């Protein structure tokens, strides 16, 4: 099997895994796109569809930098779930194909794709900060939706907030900023680790 064919199959697996997981939101659970997990997986699916559309054409530096941003975006999904949410998950939710595809399979395959395919020296020093745009926009959206408009989220115990660490009504602003700062710092550090790894000669 050639490297190009292997890469094609890997990216096809990422897309199909994401579609399988997201399909559980149809047709009556579209409100669950208020969760970062589903948004980040949708971004991965759409971006990797675009990569398959490009085929063997050489990528511009912008594409490589976007790919780095998509990778860290889905990596955050994996880490936050594994560290903060998995220990609190109900067995029927944890042992579900949607959970495994969106929280584990898609992120791990995407990270693997990044390791074996992303070119070295494509990132800029400012990229780890630029990559925070997606989680920052999501955080602002969640706060406006929950704190300002109090739009409920069905089946969510922390409604109108999608996650317990954004639940200002229960944990206050101090609790929110503690989690927010920790996640943001982790995100930026991961970004610089990615930049560093892709600057190594081997």
N, C-alpha and C. Protein backbone atom coordinates (compact mmCIF):
# COMPACT_ATOMS: atom_id res chain seq x y z
N UNK A 1 0.84 -1.20 0.00
CA UNK A 1 0.00 0.00 0.00
C UNK A 1 0.88 1.25 0.00
N UNK A 2 0.61 2.17 -0.90
CA UNK A 2 1.39 3.41 -0.96
C UNK A 2 1.01 4.33 0.18
N UNK A 3 1.90 5.29 0.46
CA UNK A 3 1.64 6.25 1.52
C UNK A 3 0.39 7.08 1.22
N UNK A 4 0.23 7.48 -0.04
CA UNK A 4 -0.93 8.29 -0.42
C UNK A 4 -2.23 7.52 -0.22
N UNK A 5 -2.22 6.24 -0.58
CA UNK A 5 -3.43 5.43 -0.40
C UNK A 5 -3.72 5.23 1.08
N UNK A 6 -2.67 5.00 1.86
CA UNK A 6 -2.85 4.83 3.30
C UNK A 6 -3.40 6.09 3.94
N UNK A 7 -2.89 7.25 3.51
CA UNK A 7 -3.37 8.52 4.04
C UNK A 7 -4.82 8.76 3.64
N UNK A 8 -5.15 8.39 2.42
CA UNK A 8 -6.54 8.52 1.96
C UNK A 8 -7.48 7.68 2.82
N UNK A 9 -7.10 6.44 3.10
CA UNK A 9 -7.94 5.55 3.91
C UNK A 9 -8.06 6.06 5.34
N UNK A 10 -6.97 6.60 5.87
CA UNK A 10 -7.00 7.16 7.22
C UNK A 10 -7.97 8.33 7.30
N UNK A 11 -7.90 9.22 6.33
CA UNK A 11 -8.77 10.39 6.34
C UNK A 11 -10.23 10.02 6.06
N UNK A 12 -10.41 9.00 5.25
CA UNK A 12 -11.76 8.50 5.01
C UNK A 12 -12.33 7.91 6.30
N UNK A 13 -11.50 7.23 7.09
CA UNK A 13 -11.94 6.66 8.37
C UNK A 13 -12.32 7.76 9.35
N UNK A 14 -11.56 8.87 9.33
CA UNK A 14 -11.87 10.01 10.19
C UNK A 14 -13.24 10.58 9.84
N UNK A 15 -13.47 10.77 8.55
CA UNK A 15 -14.74 11.33 8.08
C UNK A 15 -15.91 10.42 8.43
N UNK A 16 -15.77 9.12 8.14
CA UNK A 16 -16.86 8.17 8.39
C UNK A 16 -17.14 8.03 9.88
N UNK A 17 -16.09 8.02 10.70
CA UNK A 17 -16.28 7.92 12.15
C UNK A 17 -17.03 9.14 12.68
N UNK A 18 -16.65 10.32 12.18
CA UNK A 18 -17.34 11.53 12.60
C UNK A 18 -18.79 11.53 12.17
N UNK A 19 -19.05 11.09 10.94
CA UNK A 19 -20.43 11.05 10.44
C UNK A 19 -21.27 10.07 11.24
N UNK A 20 -20.70 8.91 11.57
CA UNK A 20 -21.43 7.92 12.37
C UNK A 20 -21.81 8.50 13.73
N UNK A 21 -20.85 9.16 14.38
CA UNK A 21 -21.14 9.75 15.69
C UNK A 21 -22.16 10.87 15.62
N UNK A 22 -22.01 11.75 14.64
CA UNK A 22 -22.92 12.90 14.51
C UNK A 22 -24.30 12.48 14.05
N UNK A 23 -24.40 11.33 13.38
CA UNK A 23 -25.69 10.86 12.88
C UNK A 23 -26.68 10.59 14.01
N UNK A 24 -26.17 10.34 15.21
CA UNK A 24 -27.04 10.09 16.35
C UNK A 24 -27.78 11.35 16.80
N UNK A 25 -27.38 12.51 16.26
CA UNK A 25 -28.04 13.76 16.60
C UNK A 25 -29.25 14.02 15.70
N UNK A 26 -29.40 13.23 14.67
CA UNK A 26 -30.48 13.42 13.70
C UNK A 26 -31.64 12.48 14.01
N UNK A 27 -32.88 12.91 13.75
CA UNK A 27 -33.26 14.25 13.28
C UNK A 27 -33.70 15.19 14.39
N UNK A 28 -33.83 14.66 15.63
CA UNK A 28 -34.49 15.44 16.68
C UNK A 28 -33.55 15.92 17.78
N UNK A 29 -32.23 15.78 17.60
CA UNK A 29 -31.31 16.22 18.64
C UNK A 29 -30.29 17.23 18.11
N UNK A 30 -30.73 18.05 17.18
CA UNK A 30 -29.83 19.07 16.63
C UNK A 30 -29.43 20.09 17.69
N UNK A 31 -30.22 20.21 18.75
CA UNK A 31 -29.87 21.15 19.82
C UNK A 31 -28.53 20.77 20.46
N UNK A 32 -28.10 19.52 20.27
CA UNK A 32 -26.84 19.09 20.87
C UNK A 32 -25.63 19.65 20.15
N UNK A 33 -25.87 20.40 19.07
CA UNK A 33 -24.75 21.11 18.45
C UNK A 33 -24.36 22.32 19.29
N UNK A 34 -25.00 22.49 20.44
CA UNK A 34 -24.53 23.49 21.40
C UNK A 34 -23.33 22.98 22.18
N UNK A 35 -22.98 21.69 22.01
CA UNK A 35 -21.83 21.12 22.69
C UNK A 35 -20.58 21.25 21.83
N UNK A 36 -19.48 21.58 22.48
CA UNK A 36 -18.19 21.75 21.78
C UNK A 36 -17.78 20.46 21.08
N UNK A 37 -18.06 19.33 21.70
CA UNK A 37 -17.71 18.03 21.10
C UNK A 37 -18.26 17.91 19.69
N UNK A 38 -19.54 18.19 19.54
CA UNK A 38 -20.19 18.01 18.24
C UNK A 38 -19.74 19.06 17.23
N UNK A 39 -19.51 20.28 17.69
CA UNK A 39 -19.04 21.33 16.80
C UNK A 39 -17.64 21.01 16.29
N UNK A 40 -16.75 20.58 17.19
CA UNK A 40 -15.37 20.28 16.79
C UNK A 40 -15.33 19.09 15.84
N UNK A 41 -16.16 18.08 16.09
CA UNK A 41 -16.20 16.93 15.19
C UNK A 41 -16.76 17.30 13.83
N UNK A 42 -17.74 18.18 13.80
CA UNK A 42 -18.28 18.65 12.52
C UNK A 42 -17.22 19.40 11.74
N UNK A 43 -16.44 20.23 12.42
CA UNK A 43 -15.36 20.95 11.76
C UNK A 43 -14.33 19.99 11.17
N UNK A 44 -14.01 18.94 11.92
CA UNK A 44 -13.06 17.94 11.42
C UNK A 44 -13.60 17.25 10.17
N UNK A 45 -14.86 16.82 10.22
CA UNK A 45 -15.47 16.13 9.08
C UNK A 45 -15.45 17.02 7.84
N UNK A 46 -15.87 18.27 7.99
CA UNK A 46 -15.92 19.18 6.85
C UNK A 46 -14.52 19.48 6.31
N UNK A 47 -13.57 19.68 7.21
CA UNK A 47 -12.21 20.00 6.78
C UNK A 47 -11.57 18.82 6.06
N UNK A 48 -11.76 17.63 6.58
CA UNK A 48 -11.16 16.46 5.95
C UNK A 48 -11.86 16.10 4.65
N UNK A 49 -13.12 16.43 4.51
CA UNK A 49 -13.78 16.29 3.21
C UNK A 49 -13.12 17.22 2.20
N UNK A 50 -12.77 18.42 2.65
CA UNK A 50 -12.09 19.37 1.77
C UNK A 50 -10.71 18.86 1.37
N UNK A 51 -10.00 18.23 2.32
CA UNK A 51 -8.68 17.67 2.01
C UNK A 51 -8.80 16.56 0.97
N UNK A 52 -9.81 15.71 1.10
CA UNK A 52 -10.01 14.66 0.10
C UNK A 52 -10.37 15.26 -1.26
N UNK A 53 -11.10 16.36 -1.22
CA UNK A 53 -11.45 17.05 -2.47
C UNK A 53 -10.19 17.59 -3.16
N UNK A 54 -9.24 18.08 -2.35
CA UNK A 54 -7.99 18.59 -2.92
C UNK A 54 -7.15 17.48 -3.53
N UNK A 55 -7.32 16.26 -3.03
CA UNK A 55 -6.58 15.13 -3.57
C UNK A 55 -5.09 15.25 -3.33
N UNK A 56 -4.30 15.05 -4.36
CA UNK A 56 -2.84 15.09 -4.25
C UNK A 56 -2.25 16.47 -4.52
N UNK A 57 -3.10 17.46 -4.65
CA UNK A 57 -2.59 18.82 -4.88
C UNK A 57 -1.79 19.28 -3.66
N UNK A 58 -0.69 20.00 -3.87
CA UNK A 58 0.10 20.50 -2.74
C UNK A 58 -0.68 21.53 -1.93
N UNK A 59 -0.58 21.44 -0.61
CA UNK A 59 -1.29 22.36 0.26
C UNK A 59 -0.50 23.66 0.43
N UNK A 60 -1.20 24.75 0.53
CA UNK A 60 -0.57 26.03 0.86
C UNK A 60 -0.26 26.06 2.35
N UNK A 61 0.55 27.02 2.77
CA UNK A 61 0.86 27.16 4.19
C UNK A 61 -0.40 27.45 4.99
N UNK A 62 -1.34 28.17 4.40
CA UNK A 62 -2.60 28.47 5.08
C UNK A 62 -3.36 27.20 5.41
N UNK A 63 -3.39 26.25 4.47
CA UNK A 63 -4.07 24.97 4.70
C UNK A 63 -3.39 24.20 5.84
N UNK A 64 -2.05 24.18 5.82
CA UNK A 64 -1.35 23.48 6.90
C UNK A 64 -1.63 24.12 8.25
N UNK A 65 -1.68 25.45 8.29
CA UNK A 65 -1.94 26.13 9.55
C UNK A 65 -3.38 25.89 10.02
N UNK A 66 -4.31 25.87 9.08
CA UNK A 66 -5.70 25.54 9.43
C UNK A 66 -5.80 24.10 9.94
N UNK A 67 -5.05 23.22 9.32
CA UNK A 67 -5.05 21.83 9.75
C UNK A 67 -4.53 21.69 11.18
N UNK A 68 -3.50 22.47 11.49
CA UNK A 68 -3.00 22.48 12.86
C UNK A 68 -4.06 22.96 13.84
N UNK A 69 -4.81 23.99 13.44
CA UNK A 69 -5.88 24.51 14.29
C UNK A 69 -7.00 23.50 14.48
N UNK A 70 -7.36 22.79 13.41
CA UNK A 70 -8.38 21.76 13.50
C UNK A 70 -7.92 20.63 14.41
N UNK A 71 -6.65 20.27 14.30
CA UNK A 71 -6.10 19.19 15.12
C UNK A 71 -6.16 19.52 16.60
N UNK A 72 -5.72 20.71 16.98
CA UNK A 72 -5.75 21.06 18.39
C UNK A 72 -7.18 21.27 18.88
N UNK A 73 -8.06 21.68 17.99
CA UNK A 73 -9.47 21.86 18.32
C UNK A 73 -10.09 20.53 18.77
N UNK A 74 -9.83 19.47 18.02
CA UNK A 74 -10.39 18.16 18.35
C UNK A 74 -9.60 17.50 19.48
N UNK A 75 -8.33 17.86 19.62
CA UNK A 75 -7.54 17.35 20.74
C UNK A 75 -8.11 17.85 22.06
N UNK A 76 -8.58 19.09 22.09
CA UNK A 76 -9.21 19.63 23.29
C UNK A 76 -10.45 18.82 23.64
N UNK A 77 -11.23 18.42 22.64
CA UNK A 77 -12.40 17.58 22.87
C UNK A 77 -12.00 16.30 23.59
N UNK A 78 -10.95 15.66 23.10
CA UNK A 78 -10.46 14.42 23.69
C UNK A 78 -9.99 14.62 25.13
N UNK A 79 -9.17 15.64 25.37
CA UNK A 79 -8.58 15.84 26.69
C UNK A 79 -9.60 16.27 27.73
N UNK A 80 -10.47 17.22 27.38
CA UNK A 80 -11.48 17.69 28.34
C UNK A 80 -12.43 16.55 28.72
N UNK A 81 -12.81 15.76 27.72
CA UNK A 81 -13.71 14.64 28.04
C UNK A 81 -13.00 13.62 28.93
N UNK A 82 -11.78 13.24 28.56
CA UNK A 82 -11.06 12.22 29.31
C UNK A 82 -10.76 12.66 30.74
N UNK A 83 -10.45 13.95 30.92
CA UNK A 83 -10.04 14.44 32.24
C UNK A 83 -11.22 14.88 33.10
N UNK A 84 -12.14 15.65 32.51
CA UNK A 84 -13.20 16.27 33.30
C UNK A 84 -14.55 15.57 33.22
N UNK A 85 -14.88 15.02 32.05
CA UNK A 85 -16.25 14.55 31.84
C UNK A 85 -16.41 13.03 31.95
N UNK A 86 -15.44 12.27 31.46
CA UNK A 86 -15.56 10.80 31.50
C UNK A 86 -15.79 10.26 32.91
N UNK A 87 -15.07 10.80 33.94
CA UNK A 87 -15.30 10.28 35.30
C UNK A 87 -16.73 10.50 35.80
N UNK A 88 -17.45 11.48 35.22
CA UNK A 88 -18.81 11.78 35.65
C UNK A 88 -19.87 11.14 34.74
N UNK A 89 -19.44 10.51 33.66
CA UNK A 89 -20.38 9.98 32.67
C UNK A 89 -21.12 8.75 33.19
N UNK A 90 -22.39 8.63 32.82
CA UNK A 90 -23.18 7.45 33.15
C UNK A 90 -22.72 6.30 32.26
N UNK A 91 -22.77 5.06 32.76
CA UNK A 91 -22.33 3.91 31.96
C UNK A 91 -23.01 3.82 30.60
N UNK A 92 -24.33 4.09 30.57
CA UNK A 92 -25.04 3.99 29.30
C UNK A 92 -24.61 5.07 28.30
N UNK A 93 -24.07 6.18 28.81
CA UNK A 93 -23.56 7.22 27.93
C UNK A 93 -22.12 6.95 27.52
N UNK A 94 -21.33 6.43 28.47
CA UNK A 94 -19.92 6.18 28.18
C UNK A 94 -19.76 5.04 27.17
N UNK A 95 -20.47 3.93 27.40
CA UNK A 95 -20.33 2.78 26.52
C UNK A 95 -21.33 2.87 25.36
N UNK A 96 -21.15 3.91 24.58
CA UNK A 96 -22.04 4.16 23.44
C UNK A 96 -21.17 4.51 22.24
N UNK A 97 -21.57 4.01 21.08
CA UNK A 97 -20.76 4.24 19.88
C UNK A 97 -20.56 5.72 19.59
N UNK A 98 -21.58 6.55 19.88
CA UNK A 98 -21.44 7.99 19.65
C UNK A 98 -20.32 8.55 20.51
N UNK A 99 -20.24 8.11 21.76
CA UNK A 99 -19.21 8.59 22.66
C UNK A 99 -17.83 8.17 22.18
N UNK A 100 -17.66 6.92 21.79
CA UNK A 100 -16.36 6.43 21.36
C UNK A 100 -15.91 7.09 20.05
N UNK A 101 -16.83 7.27 19.12
CA UNK A 101 -16.42 7.87 17.85
C UNK A 101 -16.03 9.33 18.02
N UNK A 102 -16.86 10.11 18.72
CA UNK A 102 -16.65 11.56 18.80
C UNK A 102 -15.59 11.97 19.82
N UNK A 103 -15.44 11.21 20.90
CA UNK A 103 -14.50 11.59 21.95
C UNK A 103 -13.15 10.88 21.86
N UNK A 104 -13.10 9.76 21.16
CA UNK A 104 -11.87 8.98 21.12
C UNK A 104 -11.38 8.70 19.70
N UNK A 105 -12.20 8.04 18.89
CA UNK A 105 -11.73 7.60 17.57
C UNK A 105 -11.35 8.76 16.67
N UNK A 106 -12.26 9.73 16.48
CA UNK A 106 -11.97 10.87 15.62
C UNK A 106 -10.78 11.68 16.12
N UNK A 107 -10.73 12.04 17.42
CA UNK A 107 -9.56 12.80 17.89
C UNK A 107 -8.24 12.05 17.72
N UNK A 108 -8.21 10.76 18.10
CA UNK A 108 -6.95 10.00 18.03
C UNK A 108 -6.49 9.82 16.59
N UNK A 109 -7.41 9.52 15.69
CA UNK A 109 -7.04 9.37 14.28
C UNK A 109 -6.57 10.70 13.69
N UNK A 110 -7.18 11.79 14.11
CA UNK A 110 -6.78 13.12 13.62
C UNK A 110 -5.38 13.47 14.11
N UNK A 111 -5.10 13.18 15.37
CA UNK A 111 -3.77 13.42 15.92
C UNK A 111 -2.74 12.57 15.18
N UNK A 112 -3.08 11.31 14.90
CA UNK A 112 -2.18 10.42 14.18
C UNK A 112 -1.91 10.95 12.77
N UNK A 113 -2.97 11.42 12.11
CA UNK A 113 -2.81 12.01 10.78
C UNK A 113 -1.87 13.21 10.84
N UNK A 114 -2.02 14.03 11.87
CA UNK A 114 -1.15 15.20 12.03
C UNK A 114 0.31 14.78 12.20
N UNK A 115 0.53 13.73 13.00
CA UNK A 115 1.90 13.27 13.26
C UNK A 115 2.60 12.78 12.00
N UNK A 116 1.88 12.06 11.16
CA UNK A 116 2.54 11.42 10.02
C UNK A 116 2.51 12.25 8.74
N UNK A 117 1.62 13.24 8.67
CA UNK A 117 1.47 13.92 7.38
C UNK A 117 1.80 15.41 7.37
N UNK A 118 1.66 16.09 8.50
CA UNK A 118 1.87 17.54 8.48
C UNK A 118 3.34 17.89 8.27
N UNK A 119 3.59 18.81 7.37
CA UNK A 119 4.96 19.21 7.06
C UNK A 119 5.56 20.04 8.17
N UNK A 120 6.87 19.99 8.25
CA UNK A 120 7.59 20.76 9.26
C UNK A 120 7.77 22.20 8.81
N UNK A 121 7.84 23.10 9.79
CA UNK A 121 8.13 24.49 9.51
C UNK A 121 7.00 25.28 8.86
N UNK A 122 5.76 24.80 8.96
CA UNK A 122 4.63 25.49 8.33
C UNK A 122 3.95 26.48 9.28
N UNK A 123 4.18 26.33 10.59
CA UNK A 123 3.47 27.16 11.56
C UNK A 123 4.24 28.44 11.88
N UNK A 124 3.48 29.44 12.31
CA UNK A 124 4.06 30.68 12.80
C UNK A 124 4.01 30.70 14.32
N UNK A 125 4.85 31.52 14.93
CA UNK A 125 4.91 31.57 16.39
C UNK A 125 3.59 32.02 17.01
N UNK A 126 2.82 32.78 16.25
CA UNK A 126 1.54 33.29 16.77
C UNK A 126 0.40 32.29 16.62
N UNK A 127 0.61 31.19 15.91
CA UNK A 127 -0.48 30.25 15.63
C UNK A 127 -1.16 29.69 16.87
N UNK A 128 -0.42 29.30 17.93
CA UNK A 128 -1.11 28.77 19.11
C UNK A 128 -2.14 29.74 19.69
N UNK A 129 -1.90 31.03 19.55
CA UNK A 129 -2.87 32.01 20.02
C UNK A 129 -4.03 32.15 19.02
N UNK A 130 -3.71 32.12 17.74
CA UNK A 130 -4.77 32.18 16.73
C UNK A 130 -5.68 30.96 16.80
N UNK A 131 -5.11 29.80 17.17
CA UNK A 131 -5.90 28.57 17.26
C UNK A 131 -6.92 28.61 18.40
N UNK A 132 -6.79 29.57 19.32
CA UNK A 132 -7.75 29.66 20.42
C UNK A 132 -9.07 30.30 19.98
N UNK A 133 -9.14 30.77 18.73
CA UNK A 133 -10.34 31.48 18.27
C UNK A 133 -11.59 30.61 18.40
N UNK A 134 -11.50 29.34 17.98
CA UNK A 134 -12.69 28.47 18.03
C UNK A 134 -13.19 28.26 19.46
N UNK A 135 -12.35 27.83 20.41
CA UNK A 135 -12.87 27.65 21.77
C UNK A 135 -13.32 28.96 22.42
N UNK A 136 -12.66 30.09 22.09
CA UNK A 136 -13.07 31.36 22.66
C UNK A 136 -14.45 31.78 22.14
N UNK A 137 -14.67 31.62 20.83
CA UNK A 137 -15.98 31.94 20.26
C UNK A 137 -17.04 31.02 20.86
N UNK A 138 -16.69 29.74 21.02
CA UNK A 138 -17.64 28.80 21.61
C UNK A 138 -17.99 29.19 23.04
N UNK A 139 -16.99 29.59 23.81
CA UNK A 139 -17.22 29.98 25.20
C UNK A 139 -18.13 31.20 25.28
N UNK A 140 -17.88 32.19 24.44
CA UNK A 140 -18.72 33.40 24.41
C UNK A 140 -20.14 33.03 24.02
N UNK A 141 -20.28 32.18 23.01
CA UNK A 141 -21.60 31.73 22.56
C UNK A 141 -22.36 31.03 23.70
N UNK A 142 -21.66 30.15 24.43
CA UNK A 142 -22.30 29.41 25.52
C UNK A 142 -22.74 30.32 26.65
N UNK A 143 -21.91 31.33 26.95
CA UNK A 143 -22.26 32.27 28.01
C UNK A 143 -23.45 33.14 27.62
N UNK A 144 -23.46 33.62 26.38
CA UNK A 144 -24.59 34.44 25.92
C UNK A 144 -25.87 33.61 25.91
N UNK A 145 -25.76 32.40 25.42
CA UNK A 145 -26.93 31.51 25.34
C UNK A 145 -27.46 31.14 26.73
N UNK A 146 -26.52 30.86 27.64
CA UNK A 146 -26.94 30.40 28.97
C UNK A 146 -27.17 31.50 29.97
N UNK A 147 -26.20 32.41 30.11
CA UNK A 147 -26.28 33.44 31.15
C UNK A 147 -27.19 34.60 30.76
N UNK A 148 -27.16 34.99 29.50
CA UNK A 148 -27.94 36.15 29.06
C UNK A 148 -29.37 35.75 28.69
N UNK A 149 -29.51 34.72 27.84
CA UNK A 149 -30.84 34.37 27.33
C UNK A 149 -31.46 33.16 28.02
N UNK A 150 -30.69 32.43 28.80
CA UNK A 150 -31.21 31.27 29.55
C UNK A 150 -31.98 30.30 28.66
N UNK A 151 -31.42 30.00 27.49
CA UNK A 151 -32.05 29.05 26.57
C UNK A 151 -31.77 27.64 27.07
N UNK A 152 -32.78 26.88 27.41
CA UNK A 152 -32.56 25.54 28.01
C UNK A 152 -31.99 24.54 27.01
N UNK A 153 -31.27 23.55 27.54
CA UNK A 153 -30.73 22.45 26.75
C UNK A 153 -31.39 21.16 27.25
N UNK A 154 -32.25 20.54 26.47
CA UNK A 154 -32.92 19.32 26.91
C UNK A 154 -31.93 18.23 27.33
N UNK A 155 -32.28 17.52 28.39
CA UNK A 155 -31.51 16.38 28.88
C UNK A 155 -30.16 16.78 29.47
N UNK A 156 -29.92 18.06 29.65
CA UNK A 156 -28.65 18.52 30.19
C UNK A 156 -28.85 18.94 31.65
N UNK A 157 -28.20 18.26 32.62
CA UNK A 157 -28.37 18.60 34.04
C UNK A 157 -27.87 20.00 34.40
N UNK A 158 -26.98 20.56 33.58
CA UNK A 158 -26.45 21.89 33.87
C UNK A 158 -27.07 22.96 32.97
N UNK A 159 -28.17 22.62 32.33
CA UNK A 159 -28.90 23.56 31.47
C UNK A 159 -29.21 24.84 32.27
N UNK A 160 -29.06 26.01 31.65
CA UNK A 160 -28.88 26.29 30.22
C UNK A 160 -27.42 26.30 29.75
N UNK A 161 -26.52 25.70 30.54
CA UNK A 161 -25.11 25.62 30.16
C UNK A 161 -24.79 24.21 29.68
N UNK A 162 -23.93 24.07 28.68
CA UNK A 162 -23.65 22.74 28.12
C UNK A 162 -22.72 21.88 28.98
N UNK A 163 -21.91 22.53 29.83
CA UNK A 163 -20.95 21.79 30.65
C UNK A 163 -20.94 22.36 32.06
N UNK A 164 -20.59 21.52 33.03
CA UNK A 164 -20.62 21.96 34.42
C UNK A 164 -19.62 23.07 34.68
N UNK A 165 -18.49 23.07 33.97
CA UNK A 165 -17.47 24.08 34.23
C UNK A 165 -17.81 25.45 33.63
N UNK A 166 -18.93 25.52 32.90
CA UNK A 166 -19.41 26.82 32.42
C UNK A 166 -20.63 27.27 33.22
N UNK A 167 -21.08 26.44 34.15
CA UNK A 167 -22.29 26.72 34.91
C UNK A 167 -22.05 27.82 35.95
N UNK A 168 -22.23 29.04 35.51
CA UNK A 168 -21.99 30.20 36.38
C UNK A 168 -23.02 30.26 37.50
N UNK A 169 -24.24 29.85 37.23
CA UNK A 169 -25.30 29.90 38.24
C UNK A 169 -24.95 29.03 39.45
N UNK A 170 -24.24 27.93 39.22
CA UNK A 170 -23.91 27.00 40.30
C UNK A 170 -22.54 27.26 40.90
N UNK A 171 -21.54 27.54 40.06
CA UNK A 171 -20.17 27.66 40.54
C UNK A 171 -19.65 29.10 40.58
N UNK A 172 -20.44 30.03 40.05
CA UNK A 172 -20.04 31.44 40.09
C UNK A 172 -18.98 31.77 39.07
N UNK A 173 -18.68 33.07 38.97
CA UNK A 173 -17.68 33.52 38.00
C UNK A 173 -16.28 33.05 38.37
N UNK A 174 -16.00 32.96 39.68
CA UNK A 174 -14.67 32.50 40.09
C UNK A 174 -14.42 31.07 39.65
N UNK A 175 -15.43 30.22 39.84
CA UNK A 175 -15.31 28.83 39.40
C UNK A 175 -15.15 28.73 37.90
N UNK A 176 -15.93 29.54 37.18
CA UNK A 176 -15.84 29.53 35.72
C UNK A 176 -14.46 29.95 35.25
N UNK A 177 -13.95 31.06 35.78
CA UNK A 177 -12.65 31.56 35.32
C UNK A 177 -11.50 30.63 35.71
N UNK A 178 -11.67 29.88 36.80
CA UNK A 178 -10.64 28.91 37.16
C UNK A 178 -10.51 27.83 36.09
N UNK A 179 -11.66 27.25 35.71
CA UNK A 179 -11.65 26.23 34.66
C UNK A 179 -11.25 26.84 33.32
N UNK A 180 -11.79 28.01 33.01
CA UNK A 180 -11.51 28.67 31.73
C UNK A 180 -10.02 28.94 31.56
N UNK A 181 -9.40 29.48 32.59
CA UNK A 181 -7.97 29.80 32.53
C UNK A 181 -7.13 28.55 32.37
N UNK A 182 -7.48 27.50 33.14
CA UNK A 182 -6.72 26.25 33.07
C UNK A 182 -6.81 25.63 31.67
N UNK A 183 -8.01 25.61 31.10
CA UNK A 183 -8.20 25.02 29.78
C UNK A 183 -7.50 25.87 28.71
N UNK A 184 -7.59 27.19 28.84
CA UNK A 184 -6.97 28.07 27.85
C UNK A 184 -5.45 27.94 27.87
N UNK A 185 -4.87 27.89 29.07
CA UNK A 185 -3.42 27.72 29.20
C UNK A 185 -2.99 26.38 28.62
N UNK A 186 -3.75 25.32 28.93
CA UNK A 186 -3.45 24.00 28.37
C UNK A 186 -3.51 24.03 26.85
N UNK A 187 -4.50 24.71 26.33
CA UNK A 187 -4.69 24.81 24.88
C UNK A 187 -3.48 25.48 24.22
N UNK A 188 -3.04 26.58 24.78
CA UNK A 188 -1.91 27.31 24.21
C UNK A 188 -0.63 26.50 24.33
N UNK A 189 -0.44 25.85 25.48
CA UNK A 189 0.75 25.01 25.67
C UNK A 189 0.78 23.87 24.65
N UNK A 190 -0.37 23.24 24.43
CA UNK A 190 -0.45 22.19 23.43
C UNK A 190 -0.10 22.73 22.04
N UNK A 191 -0.56 23.94 21.78
CA UNK A 191 -0.24 24.57 20.50
C UNK A 191 1.25 24.74 20.30
N UNK A 192 1.94 25.18 21.35
CA UNK A 192 3.39 25.38 21.22
C UNK A 192 4.14 24.04 21.18
N UNK A 193 3.58 23.02 21.81
CA UNK A 193 4.18 21.69 21.69
C UNK A 193 4.07 21.21 20.24
N UNK A 194 2.92 21.47 19.61
CA UNK A 194 2.74 21.11 18.20
C UNK A 194 3.73 21.85 17.32
N UNK A 195 3.89 23.14 17.58
CA UNK A 195 4.84 23.94 16.81
C UNK A 195 6.26 23.40 16.98
N UNK A 196 6.62 23.07 18.23
CA UNK A 196 7.95 22.57 18.53
C UNK A 196 8.20 21.23 17.84
N UNK A 197 7.23 20.32 17.95
CA UNK A 197 7.37 18.99 17.34
C UNK A 197 7.60 19.09 15.85
N UNK A 198 6.86 20.00 15.21
CA UNK A 198 6.97 20.12 13.75
C UNK A 198 8.17 20.97 13.32
N UNK A 199 8.97 21.37 14.28
CA UNK A 199 10.21 22.06 13.93
C UNK A 199 11.42 21.14 14.13
N UNK A 200 11.18 19.96 14.70
CA UNK A 200 12.27 19.00 14.87
C UNK A 200 12.69 18.46 13.51
N UNK A 201 13.95 18.14 13.38
CA UNK A 201 14.45 17.65 12.10
C UNK A 201 13.99 16.23 11.82
N UNK A 202 13.80 15.43 12.89
CA UNK A 202 13.39 14.05 12.71
C UNK A 202 12.09 13.81 13.48
